[in-house]
Amino acid sequence: MKSGLAVLLAAGAMSLPLQAEVLLQESFSYPDGQLSQVATNVWVTHSGGERPLNVSSGAAVINQANFVGGGEDVNRALSSGIDPSTNNPTQLYAAFLVNFSSLPVNEGTYTSGSYFAHFKSSTINEFYSRIGANTEGAAPEKFRLAIANETWTQSATIEYPEDLDLGVTYEVAVRLNLATGQTTLWVNPVDESSRSVTASDPFSFSSGTLSFALRQGTSGVNPNRGAPGVLSVDNLRVGTSFIDVIPEPSTFSLLLLGGAALLARRRRA
């Protein structure tokens, strides 16, 4: 005869939803050095290269707290070929940990910093879901994360309404809706209904398969430019559902806890 816990577990297994597809998992557990070299044929350079994008202590480092060009940008392909021009019903999610050691910077009349991560099409210069940082609206010595669909400008970027601190690790999540082209940004979300902001700048998809990219660069036009600062990125995940990238307590876990509590009560009786 099955125990009460076994019955609960069996019922839970039958009721669990099917897992959506995980398309990328990256812990950056490589030796310190240039990411495209220590992870050869995994992370591929697509721009720059004069200032390498390095991995240090198990995290990728974006080093762009000035306006010097030539920083290396890299991308890693998703495990399934997704073409946003044809896979329109799909929603893509990405999440990662980020920790800033230097604030975003601006010069001239520019105030919107710049972006440091995005989805990249295999079509040249087609970038979607641009994730960046600036000091717009933030208190002194603090910064904010921001999002744009396809173009990073002062009018296009939407700031997440929370001041963030240097030296603190935050979990960032984005959703790219391939049906609408809009990108939603969360910071430290509990679930998909947590507070978020959604970009509204115009977009257009080109044919080409997607990868996820890290960028060292500026935005704007000299002498009015912005840069994202210095930051580390870790524990990157990309999937087709929110729980692929921000795991929630599952039905199975809750049943385990409930079953354990039931057995404990029986032992005390």
C-alpha atoms as a PDB file:
ATOM      1  CA  MET A   1       0.000   0.000   0.000  1.00  0.00           C
ATOM      2  CA  LYS A   2       1.294   3.447  -0.889  1.00  0.00           C
ATOM      3  CA  SER A   3       2.077   5.900   1.891  1.00  0.00           C
ATOM      4  CA  GLY A   4       0.301   9.243   2.034  1.00  0.00           C
ATOM      5  CA  LEU A   5       3.454  10.950   0.778  1.00  0.00           C
ATOM      6  CA  ALA A   6       3.771   8.576  -2.180  1.00  0.00           C
ATOM      7  CA  VAL A   7       0.188   9.262  -3.206  1.00  0.00           C
ATOM      8  CA  LEU A   8       0.808  12.999  -2.999  1.00  0.00           C
ATOM      9  CA  LEU A   9       3.968  12.715  -5.089  1.00  0.00           C
ATOM     10  CA  ALA A  10       2.260  10.611  -7.732  1.00  0.00           C
ATOM     11  CA  ALA A  11      -0.606  13.056  -7.983  1.00  0.00           C
ATOM     12  CA  GLY A  12       1.806  15.953  -8.194  1.00  0.00           C
ATOM     13  CA  ALA A  13       3.833  14.334 -10.963  1.00  0.00           C
ATOM     14  CA  MET A  14       0.661  13.917 -13.043  1.00  0.00           C
ATOM     15  CA  SER A  15      -0.353  17.527 -12.484  1.00  0.00           C
ATOM     16  CA  LEU A  16       2.999  19.195 -13.259  1.00  0.00           C
ATOM     17  CA  PRO A  17       2.987  21.347 -16.400  1.00  0.00           C
ATOM     18  CA  LEU A  18       5.365  20.502 -19.216  1.00  0.00           C
ATOM     19  CA  GLN A  19       8.635  22.417 -19.010  1.00  0.00           C
ATOM     20  CA  ALA A  20       9.071  25.040 -21.714  1.00  0.00           C
ATOM     21  CA  GLU A  21      12.275  25.089 -23.712  1.00  0.00           C
ATOM     22  CA  VAL A  22      15.538  26.303 -22.175  1.00  0.00           C
ATOM     23  CA  LEU A  23      17.645  27.807 -24.958  1.00  0.00           C
ATOM     24  CA  LEU A  24      20.800  28.924 -23.152  1.00  0.00           C
ATOM     25  CA  GLN A  25      22.385  28.460 -19.728  1.00  0.00           C
ATOM     26  CA  GLU A  26      25.665  30.164 -18.978  1.00  0.00           C
ATOM     27  CA  SER A  27      27.474  30.262 -15.632  1.00  0.00           C
ATOM     28  CA  PHE A  28      30.706  31.781 -17.072  1.00  0.00           C
ATOM     29  CA  SER A  29      32.731  29.156 -15.223  1.00  0.00           C
ATOM     30  CA  TYR A  30      35.774  29.641 -17.436  1.00  0.00           C
ATOM     31  CA  PRO A  31      39.376  30.526 -16.584  1.00  0.00           C
ATOM     32  CA  ASP A  32      39.972  34.263 -16.286  1.00  0.00           C
ATOM     33  CA  GLY A  33      40.724  35.845 -19.633  1.00  0.00           C
ATOM     34  CA  GLN A  34      39.145  37.035 -22.868  1.00  0.00           C
ATOM     35  CA  LEU A  35      35.713  35.404 -23.051  1.00  0.00           C
ATOM     36  CA  SER A  36      35.879  34.681 -26.782  1.00  0.00           C
ATOM     37  CA  GLN A  37      39.220  32.903 -26.235  1.00  0.00           C
ATOM     38  CA  VAL A  38      38.547  30.924 -23.046  1.00  0.00           C
ATOM     39  CA  ALA A  39      35.135  29.892 -24.454  1.00  0.00           C
ATOM     40  CA  THR A  40      36.211  29.384 -28.063  1.00  0.00           C
ATOM     41  CA  ASN A  41      33.363  28.731 -30.493  1.00  0.00           C
ATOM     42  CA  VAL A  42      30.870  29.288 -27.667  1.00  0.00           C
ATOM     43  CA  TRP A  43      31.090  33.075 -27.337  1.00  0.00           C
ATOM     44  CA  VAL A  44      31.926  34.664 -30.692  1.00  0.00           C
ATOM     45  CA  THR A  45      33.174  38.191 -31.358  1.00  0.00           C
ATOM     46  CA  HIS A  46      30.919  40.173 -33.687  1.00  0.00           C
ATOM     47  CA  SER A  47      32.280  43.695 -33.181  1.00  0.00           C
ATOM     48  CA  GLY A  48      35.279  45.566 -31.820  1.00  0.00           C
ATOM     49  CA  GLY A  49      38.129  43.688 -30.228  1.00  0.00           C
ATOM     50  CA  GLU A  50      40.645  46.392 -29.322  1.00  0.00           C
ATOM     51  CA  ARG A  51      39.504  46.165 -25.678  1.00  0.00           C
ATOM     52  CA  PRO A  52      38.604  42.530 -24.932  1.00  0.00           C
ATOM     53  CA  LEU A  53      35.444  41.515 -23.108  1.00  0.00           C
ATOM     54  CA  ASN A  54      36.858  39.426 -20.290  1.00  0.00           C
ATOM     55  CA  VAL A  55      35.616  36.839 -17.837  1.00  0.00           C
ATOM     56  CA  SER A  56      36.863  37.286 -14.270  1.00  0.00           C
ATOM     57  CA  SER A  57      36.065  35.228 -11.170  1.00  0.00           C
ATOM     58  CA  GLY A  58      33.263  33.408 -12.969  1.00  0.00           C
ATOM     59  CA  ALA A  59      31.475  36.443 -14.448  1.00  0.00           C
ATOM     60  CA  ALA A  60      31.599  38.365 -17.728  1.00  0.00           C
ATOM     61  CA  VAL A  61      32.843  41.940 -17.297  1.00  0.00           C
ATOM     62  CA  ILE A  62      31.463  44.854 -19.311  1.00  0.00           C
ATOM     63  CA  ASN A  63      34.111  47.600 -19.137  1.00  0.00           C
ATOM     64  CA  GLN A  64      32.645  50.800 -20.583  1.00  0.00           C
ATOM     65  CA  ALA A  65      32.805  53.700 -18.124  1.00  0.00           C
ATOM     66  CA  ASN A  66      34.358  56.038 -20.709  1.00  0.00           C
ATOM     67  CA  PHE A  67      33.870  56.988 -24.346  1.00  0.00           C
ATOM     68  CA  VAL A  68      36.787  55.051 -25.820  1.00  0.00           C
ATOM     69  CA  GLY A  69      35.614  52.973 -28.778  1.00  0.00           C
ATOM     70  CA  GLY A  70      36.756  49.581 -29.974  1.00  0.00           C
ATOM     71  CA  GLY A  71      35.390  47.480 -27.119  1.00  0.00           C
ATOM     72  CA  GLU A  72      34.776  43.849 -28.000  1.00  0.00           C
ATOM     73  CA  ASP A  73      31.157  42.662 -28.315  1.00  0.00           C
ATOM     74  CA  VAL A  74      30.353  38.941 -28.183  1.00  0.00           C
ATOM     75  CA  ASN A  75      27.360  36.673 -28.669  1.00  0.00           C
ATOM     76  CA  ARG A  76      26.340  33.095 -27.949  1.00  0.00           C
ATOM     77  CA  ALA A  77      23.845  31.251 -30.173  1.00  0.00           C
ATOM     78  CA  LEU A  78      20.629  29.853 -28.728  1.00  0.00           C
ATOM     79  CA  SER A  79      20.256  26.075 -28.753  1.00  0.00           C
ATOM     80  CA  SER A  80      17.262  26.298 -31.121  1.00  0.00           C
ATOM     81  CA  GLY A  81      17.229  28.420 -34.244  1.00  0.00           C
ATOM     82  CA  ILE A  82      14.576  31.098 -33.668  1.00  0.00           C
ATOM     83  CA  ASP A  83      13.882  33.557 -36.478  1.00  0.00           C
ATOM     84  CA  PRO A  84      11.791  36.476 -35.148  1.00  0.00           C
ATOM     85  CA  SER A  85      10.416  37.190 -38.620  1.00  0.00           C
ATOM     86  CA  THR A  86       8.767  33.737 -38.754  1.00  0.00           C
ATOM     87  CA  ASN A  87       8.517  32.505 -35.137  1.00  0.00           C
ATOM     88  CA  ASN A  88       6.045  35.240 -34.233  1.00  0.00           C
ATOM     89  CA  PRO A  89       3.969  33.284 -31.667  1.00  0.00           C
ATOM     90  CA  THR A  90       7.078  32.695 -29.553  1.00  0.00           C
ATOM     91  CA  GLN A  91       7.972  34.760 -26.493  1.00  0.00           C
ATOM     92  CA  LEU A  92      11.607  34.767 -25.439  1.00  0.00           C
ATOM     93  CA  TYR A  93      12.789  35.382 -21.881  1.00  0.00           C
ATOM     94  CA  ALA A  94      16.282  36.112 -20.606  1.00  0.00           C
ATOM     95  CA  ALA A  95      17.573  36.646 -17.085  1.00  0.00           C
ATOM     96  CA  PHE A  96      20.955  37.247 -15.491  1.00  0.00           C
ATOM     97  CA  LEU A  97      22.654  38.595 -12.394  1.00  0.00           C
ATOM     98  CA  VAL A  98      24.298  41.998 -12.681  1.00  0.00           C
ATOM     99  CA  ASN A  99      26.574  43.933 -10.321  1.00  0.00           C
ATOM    100  CA  PHE A 100      27.848  47.433 -11.156  1.00  0.00           C
ATOM    101  CA  SER A 101      31.189  48.687  -9.869  1.00  0.00           C
ATOM    102  CA  SER A 102      31.129  51.986 -11.783  1.00  0.00           C
ATOM    103  CA  LEU A 103      28.211  54.271 -12.657  1.00  0.00           C
ATOM    104  CA  PRO A 104      26.945  54.905 -16.180  1.00  0.00           C
ATOM    105  CA  VAL A 105      28.358  58.133 -17.628  1.00  0.00           C
ATOM    106  CA  ASN A 106      27.201  60.843 -20.038  1.00  0.00           C
ATOM    107  CA  GLU A 107      28.720  63.838 -21.767  1.00  0.00           C
ATOM    108  CA  GLY A 108      27.245  66.876 -23.461  1.00  0.00           C
ATOM    109  CA  THR A 109      23.447  66.956 -23.513  1.00  0.00           C
ATOM    110  CA  TYR A 110      23.058  63.167 -23.543  1.00  0.00           C
ATOM    111  CA  THR A 111      21.517  61.535 -20.436  1.00  0.00           C
ATOM    112  CA  SER A 112      20.570  57.964 -21.348  1.00  0.00           C
ATOM    113  CA  GLY A 113      23.800  56.022 -20.802  1.00  0.00           C
ATOM    114  CA  SER A 114      23.968  53.024 -23.105  1.00  0.00           C
ATOM    115  CA  TYR A 115      23.060  49.351 -23.456  1.00  0.00           C
ATOM    116  CA  PHE A 116      25.236  46.373 -22.533  1.00  0.00           C
ATOM    117  CA  ALA A 117      23.147  43.307 -23.500  1.00  0.00           C
ATOM    118  CA  HIS A 118      20.615  42.369 -26.164  1.00  0.00           C
ATOM    119  CA  PHE A 119      19.239  39.685 -28.446  1.00  0.00           C
ATOM    120  CA  LYS A 120      21.183  39.674 -31.726  1.00  0.00           C
ATOM    121  CA  SER A 121      20.040  38.519 -35.143  1.00  0.00           C
ATOM    122  CA  SER A 122      22.419  36.741 -37.509  1.00  0.00           C
ATOM    123  CA  THR A 123      21.515  39.605 -39.854  1.00  0.00           C
ATOM    124  CA  ILE A 124      24.184  42.254 -39.360  1.00  0.00           C
ATOM    125  CA  ASN A 125      23.398  45.125 -36.968  1.00  0.00           C
ATOM    126  CA  GLU A 126      19.946  43.797 -36.036  1.00  0.00           C
ATOM    127  CA  PHE A 127      19.706  44.069 -32.227  1.00  0.00           C
ATOM    128  CA  TYR A 128      16.517  43.599 -30.182  1.00  0.00           C
ATOM    129  CA  SER A 129      15.645  44.040 -26.488  1.00  0.00           C
ATOM    130  CA  ARG A 130      18.469  46.431 -25.699  1.00  0.00           C
ATOM    131  CA  ILE A 131      19.157  46.350 -21.939  1.00  0.00           C
ATOM    132  CA  GLY A 132      21.170  49.217 -20.527  1.00  0.00           C
ATOM    133  CA  ALA A 133      21.839  51.581 -17.658  1.00  0.00           C
ATOM    134  CA  ASN A 134      21.880  55.310 -17.031  1.00  0.00           C
ATOM    135  CA  THR A 135      21.538  57.853 -14.245  1.00  0.00           C
ATOM    136  CA  GLU A 136      18.386  59.457 -15.650  1.00  0.00           C
ATOM    137  CA  GLY A 137      15.975  60.169 -12.790  1.00  0.00           C
ATOM    138  CA  ALA A 138      18.285  58.533 -10.224  1.00  0.00           C
ATOM    139  CA  ALA A 139      19.570  60.094  -7.006  1.00  0.00           C
ATOM    140  CA  PRO A 140      23.277  61.044  -6.802  1.00  0.00           C
ATOM    141  CA  GLU A 141      25.630  58.033  -6.852  1.00  0.00           C
ATOM    142  CA  LYS A 142      22.788  55.732  -7.929  1.00  0.00           C
ATOM    143  CA  PHE A 143      21.674  54.453 -11.332  1.00  0.00           C
ATOM    144  CA  ARG A 144      18.728  52.864 -13.110  1.00  0.00           C
ATOM    145  CA  LEU A 145      18.340  50.040 -15.597  1.00  0.00           C
ATOM    146  CA  ALA A 146      16.465  50.745 -18.807  1.00  0.00           C
ATOM    147  CA  ILE A 147      15.081  48.980 -21.879  1.00  0.00           C
ATOM    148  CA  ALA A 148      14.487  49.744 -25.559  1.00  0.00           C
ATOM    149  CA  ASN A 149      13.023  47.544 -28.293  1.00  0.00           C
ATOM    150  CA  GLU A 150      15.471  48.263 -31.095  1.00  0.00           C
ATOM    151  CA  THR A 151      16.888  51.802 -30.858  1.00  0.00           C
ATOM    152  CA  TRP A 152      18.797  53.288 -27.905  1.00  0.00           C
ATOM    153  CA  THR A 153      18.022  57.006 -27.782  1.00  0.00           C
ATOM    154  CA  GLN A 154      16.904  59.453 -25.122  1.00  0.00           C
ATOM    155  CA  SER A 155      13.347  59.300 -26.441  1.00  0.00           C
ATOM    156  CA  ALA A 156      13.255  55.495 -26.804  1.00  0.00           C
ATOM    157  CA  THR A 157      14.666  54.231 -23.507  1.00  0.00           C
ATOM    158  CA  ILE A 158      12.268  53.379 -20.686  1.00  0.00           C
ATOM    159  CA  GLU A 159      13.805  53.406 -17.192  1.00  0.00           C
ATOM    160  CA  TYR A 160      12.820  50.909 -14.514  1.00  0.00           C
ATOM    161  CA  PRO A 161      11.593  53.209 -11.683  1.00  0.00           C
ATOM    162  CA  GLU A 162      13.971  52.138  -8.929  1.00  0.00           C
ATOM    163  CA  ASP A 163      17.304  53.606  -7.887  1.00  0.00           C
ATOM    164  CA  LEU A 164      20.024  50.954  -7.713  1.00  0.00           C
ATOM    165  CA  ASP A 165      23.352  50.883  -5.878  1.00  0.00           C
ATOM    166  CA  LEU A 166      26.905  50.049  -6.845  1.00  0.00           C
ATOM    167  CA  GLY A 167      28.246  46.806  -5.415  1.00  0.00           C
ATOM    168  CA  VAL A 168      24.820  45.153  -5.092  1.00  0.00           C
ATOM    169  CA  THR A 169      23.811  42.130  -7.177  1.00  0.00           C
ATOM    170  CA  TYR A 170      20.454  42.396  -8.936  1.00  0.00           C
ATOM    171  CA  GLU A 171      18.532  39.853 -10.971  1.00  0.00           C
ATOM    172  CA  VAL A 172      17.384  41.243 -14.305  1.00  0.00           C
ATOM    173  CA  ALA A 173      14.761  39.631 -16.550  1.00  0.00           C
ATOM    174  CA  VAL A 174      13.399  40.589 -19.962  1.00  0.00           C
ATOM    175  CA  ARG A 175      10.659  39.262 -22.231  1.00  0.00           C
ATOM    176  CA  LEU A 176      10.772  39.734 -26.001  1.00  0.00           C
ATOM    177  CA  ASN A 177       7.305  39.298 -27.464  1.00  0.00           C
ATOM    178  CA  LEU A 178       7.890  38.249 -31.067  1.00  0.00           C
ATOM    179  CA  ALA A 179       4.262  38.941 -31.954  1.00  0.00           C
ATOM    180  CA  THR A 180       4.492  42.625 -31.000  1.00  0.00           C
ATOM    181  CA  GLY A 181       8.255  43.277 -30.935  1.00  0.00           C
ATOM    182  CA  GLN A 182       7.942  44.821 -27.487  1.00  0.00           C
ATOM    183  CA  THR A 183      10.357  44.107 -24.651  1.00  0.00           C
ATOM    184  CA  THR A 184       9.463  44.068 -20.952  1.00  0.00           C
ATOM    185  CA  LEU A 185      12.027  44.562 -18.174  1.00  0.00           C
ATOM    186  CA  TRP A 186      11.921  43.349 -14.550  1.00  0.00           C
ATOM    187  CA  VAL A 187      14.414  43.903 -11.712  1.00  0.00           C
ATOM    188  CA  ASN A 188      14.438  41.324  -8.902  1.00  0.00           C
ATOM    189  CA  PRO A 189      11.077  39.850  -9.944  1.00  0.00           C
ATOM    190  CA  VAL A 190       9.232  37.239  -7.899  1.00  0.00           C
ATOM    191  CA  ASP A 191       7.085  36.152 -10.837  1.00  0.00           C
ATOM    192  CA  GLU A 192       5.854  37.443 -14.186  1.00  0.00           C
ATOM    193  CA  SER A 193       3.246  39.673 -12.529  1.00  0.00           C
ATOM    194  CA  SER A 194       5.932  41.618 -10.618  1.00  0.00           C
ATOM    195  CA  ARG A 195       6.431  45.299 -11.410  1.00  0.00           C
ATOM    196  CA  SER A 196       7.863  45.825 -14.884  1.00  0.00           C
ATOM    197  CA  VAL A 197       8.263  48.395 -17.665  1.00  0.00           C
ATOM    198  CA  THR A 198       7.742  47.850 -21.391  1.00  0.00           C
ATOM    199  CA  ALA A 199       9.504  49.657 -24.221  1.00  0.00           C
ATOM    200  CA  SER A 200       7.419  51.315 -26.913  1.00  0.00           C
ATOM    201  CA  ASP A 201       9.893  52.448 -29.601  1.00  0.00           C
ATOM    202  CA  PRO A 202       9.176  51.262 -33.183  1.00  0.00           C
ATOM    203  CA  PHE A 203      10.688  47.972 -34.327  1.00  0.00           C
ATOM    204  CA  SER A 204      11.057  45.764 -37.363  1.00  0.00           C
ATOM    205  CA  PHE A 205      12.318  42.187 -37.515  1.00  0.00           C
ATOM    206  CA  SER A 206      14.715  40.956 -40.164  1.00  0.00           C
ATOM    207  CA  SER A 207      15.107  37.327 -41.154  1.00  0.00           C
ATOM    208  CA  GLY A 208      17.899  35.637 -39.201  1.00  0.00           C
ATOM    209  CA  THR A 209      18.415  33.369 -36.192  1.00  0.00           C
ATOM    210  CA  LEU A 210      18.887  34.813 -32.709  1.00  0.00           C
ATOM    211  CA  SER A 211      21.724  34.760 -30.208  1.00  0.00           C
ATOM    212  CA  PHE A 212      22.272  36.603 -26.927  1.00  0.00           C
ATOM    213  CA  ALA A 213      24.943  39.300 -26.916  1.00  0.00           C
ATOM    214  CA  LEU A 214      27.058  41.275 -24.459  1.00  0.00           C
ATOM    215  CA  ARG A 215      28.249  44.706 -25.552  1.00  0.00           C
ATOM    216  CA  GLN A 216      30.968  47.211 -24.667  1.00  0.00           C
ATOM    217  CA  GLY A 217      30.016  50.457 -26.349  1.00  0.00           C
ATOM    218  CA  THR A 218      28.527  53.932 -26.219  1.00  0.00           C
ATOM    219  CA  SER A 219      25.370  55.534 -27.577  1.00  0.00           C
ATOM    220  CA  GLY A 220      24.709  58.960 -29.022  1.00  0.00           C
ATOM    221  CA  VAL A 221      26.901  61.058 -31.291  1.00  0.00           C
ATOM    222  CA  ASN A 222      30.066  62.875 -30.194  1.00  0.00           C
ATOM    223  CA  PRO A 223      30.068  65.172 -28.215  1.00  0.00           C
ATOM    224  CA  ASN A 224      26.717  63.983 -26.808  1.00  0.00           C
ATOM    225  CA  ARG A 225      27.242  60.386 -25.721  1.00  0.00           C
ATOM    226  CA  GLY A 226      26.543  57.900 -22.938  1.00  0.00           C
ATOM    227  CA  ALA A 227      28.128  54.683 -21.640  1.00  0.00           C
ATOM    228  CA  PRO A 228      26.756  51.962 -19.325  1.00  0.00           C
ATOM    229  CA  GLY A 229      29.578  51.843 -16.752  1.00  0.00           C
ATOM    230  CA  VAL A 230      31.534  48.854 -15.448  1.00  0.00           C
ATOM    231  CA  LEU A 231      29.521  45.782 -14.492  1.00  0.00           C
ATOM    232  CA  SER A 232      29.658  42.016 -14.199  1.00  0.00           C
ATOM    233  CA  VAL A 233      27.103  39.621 -15.699  1.00  0.00           C
ATOM    234  CA  ASP A 234      26.572  36.099 -14.379  1.00  0.00           C
ATOM    235  CA  ASN A 235      24.123  33.171 -14.422  1.00  0.00           C
ATOM    236  CA  LEU A 236      22.608  33.966 -17.814  1.00  0.00           C
ATOM    237  CA  ARG A 237      19.522  31.985 -18.858  1.00  0.00           C
ATOM    238  CA  VAL A 238      17.338  32.194 -21.977  1.00  0.00           C
ATOM    239  CA  GLY A 239      14.103  30.280 -22.453  1.00  0.00           C
ATOM    240  CA  THR A 240      10.573  30.373 -23.829  1.00  0.00           C
ATOM    241  CA  SER A 241       8.803  30.823 -20.477  1.00  0.00           C
ATOM    242  CA  PHE A 242       9.338  33.003 -17.419  1.00  0.00           C
ATOM    243  CA  ILE A 243       9.907  30.020 -15.136  1.00  0.00           C
ATOM    244  CA  ASP A 244      12.725  28.837 -17.394  1.00  0.00           C
ATOM    245  CA  VAL A 245      14.740  31.891 -16.419  1.00  0.00           C
ATOM    246  CA  ILE A 246      13.270  32.795 -12.998  1.00  0.00           C
ATOM    247  CA  PRO A 247      12.322  29.458 -11.390  1.00  0.00           C
ATOM    248  CA  GLU A 248       9.330  29.543  -9.069  1.00  0.00           C
ATOM    249  CA  PRO A 249       8.379  27.044  -6.339  1.00  0.00           C
ATOM    250  CA  SER A 250       6.860  24.194  -8.332  1.00  0.00           C
ATOM    251  CA  THR A 251       3.781  22.152  -7.559  1.00  0.00           C
ATOM    252  CA  PHE A 252       6.135  19.262  -6.934  1.00  0.00           C
ATOM    253  CA  SER A 253       8.148  21.236  -4.353  1.00  0.00           C
ATOM    254  CA  LEU A 254       4.999  22.371  -2.588  1.00  0.00           C
ATOM    255  CA  LEU A 255       3.718  18.796  -2.474  1.00  0.00           C
ATOM    256  CA  LEU A 256       7.019  17.627  -1.011  1.00  0.00           C
ATOM    257  CA  LEU A 257       6.746  20.218   1.736  1.00  0.00           C
ATOM    258  CA  GLY A 258       3.101  19.340   2.378  1.00  0.00           C
ATOM    259  CA  GLY A 259       3.845  15.632   2.436  1.00  0.00           C
ATOM    260  CA  ALA A 260       6.739  16.078   4.841  1.00  0.00           C
ATOM    261  CA  ALA A 261       4.525  18.117   7.149  1.00  0.00           C
ATOM    262  CA  LEU A 262       1.809  15.424   6.973  1.00  0.00           C
ATOM    263  CA  LEU A 263       4.257  12.670   7.918  1.00  0.00           C
ATOM    264  CA  ALA A 264       5.654  14.768  10.766  1.00  0.00           C
ATOM    265  CA  ARG A 265       2.166  15.269  12.191  1.00  0.00           C
ATOM    266  CA  ARG A 266       1.465  11.532  11.990  1.00  0.00           C
ATOM    267  CA  ARG A 267       4.677  10.718  13.833  1.00  0.00           C
ATOM    268  CA  ARG A 268       3.758  13.103  16.636  1.00  0.00           C
ATOM    269  CA  ALA A 269       0.221  11.667  16.939  1.00  0.00           C
END
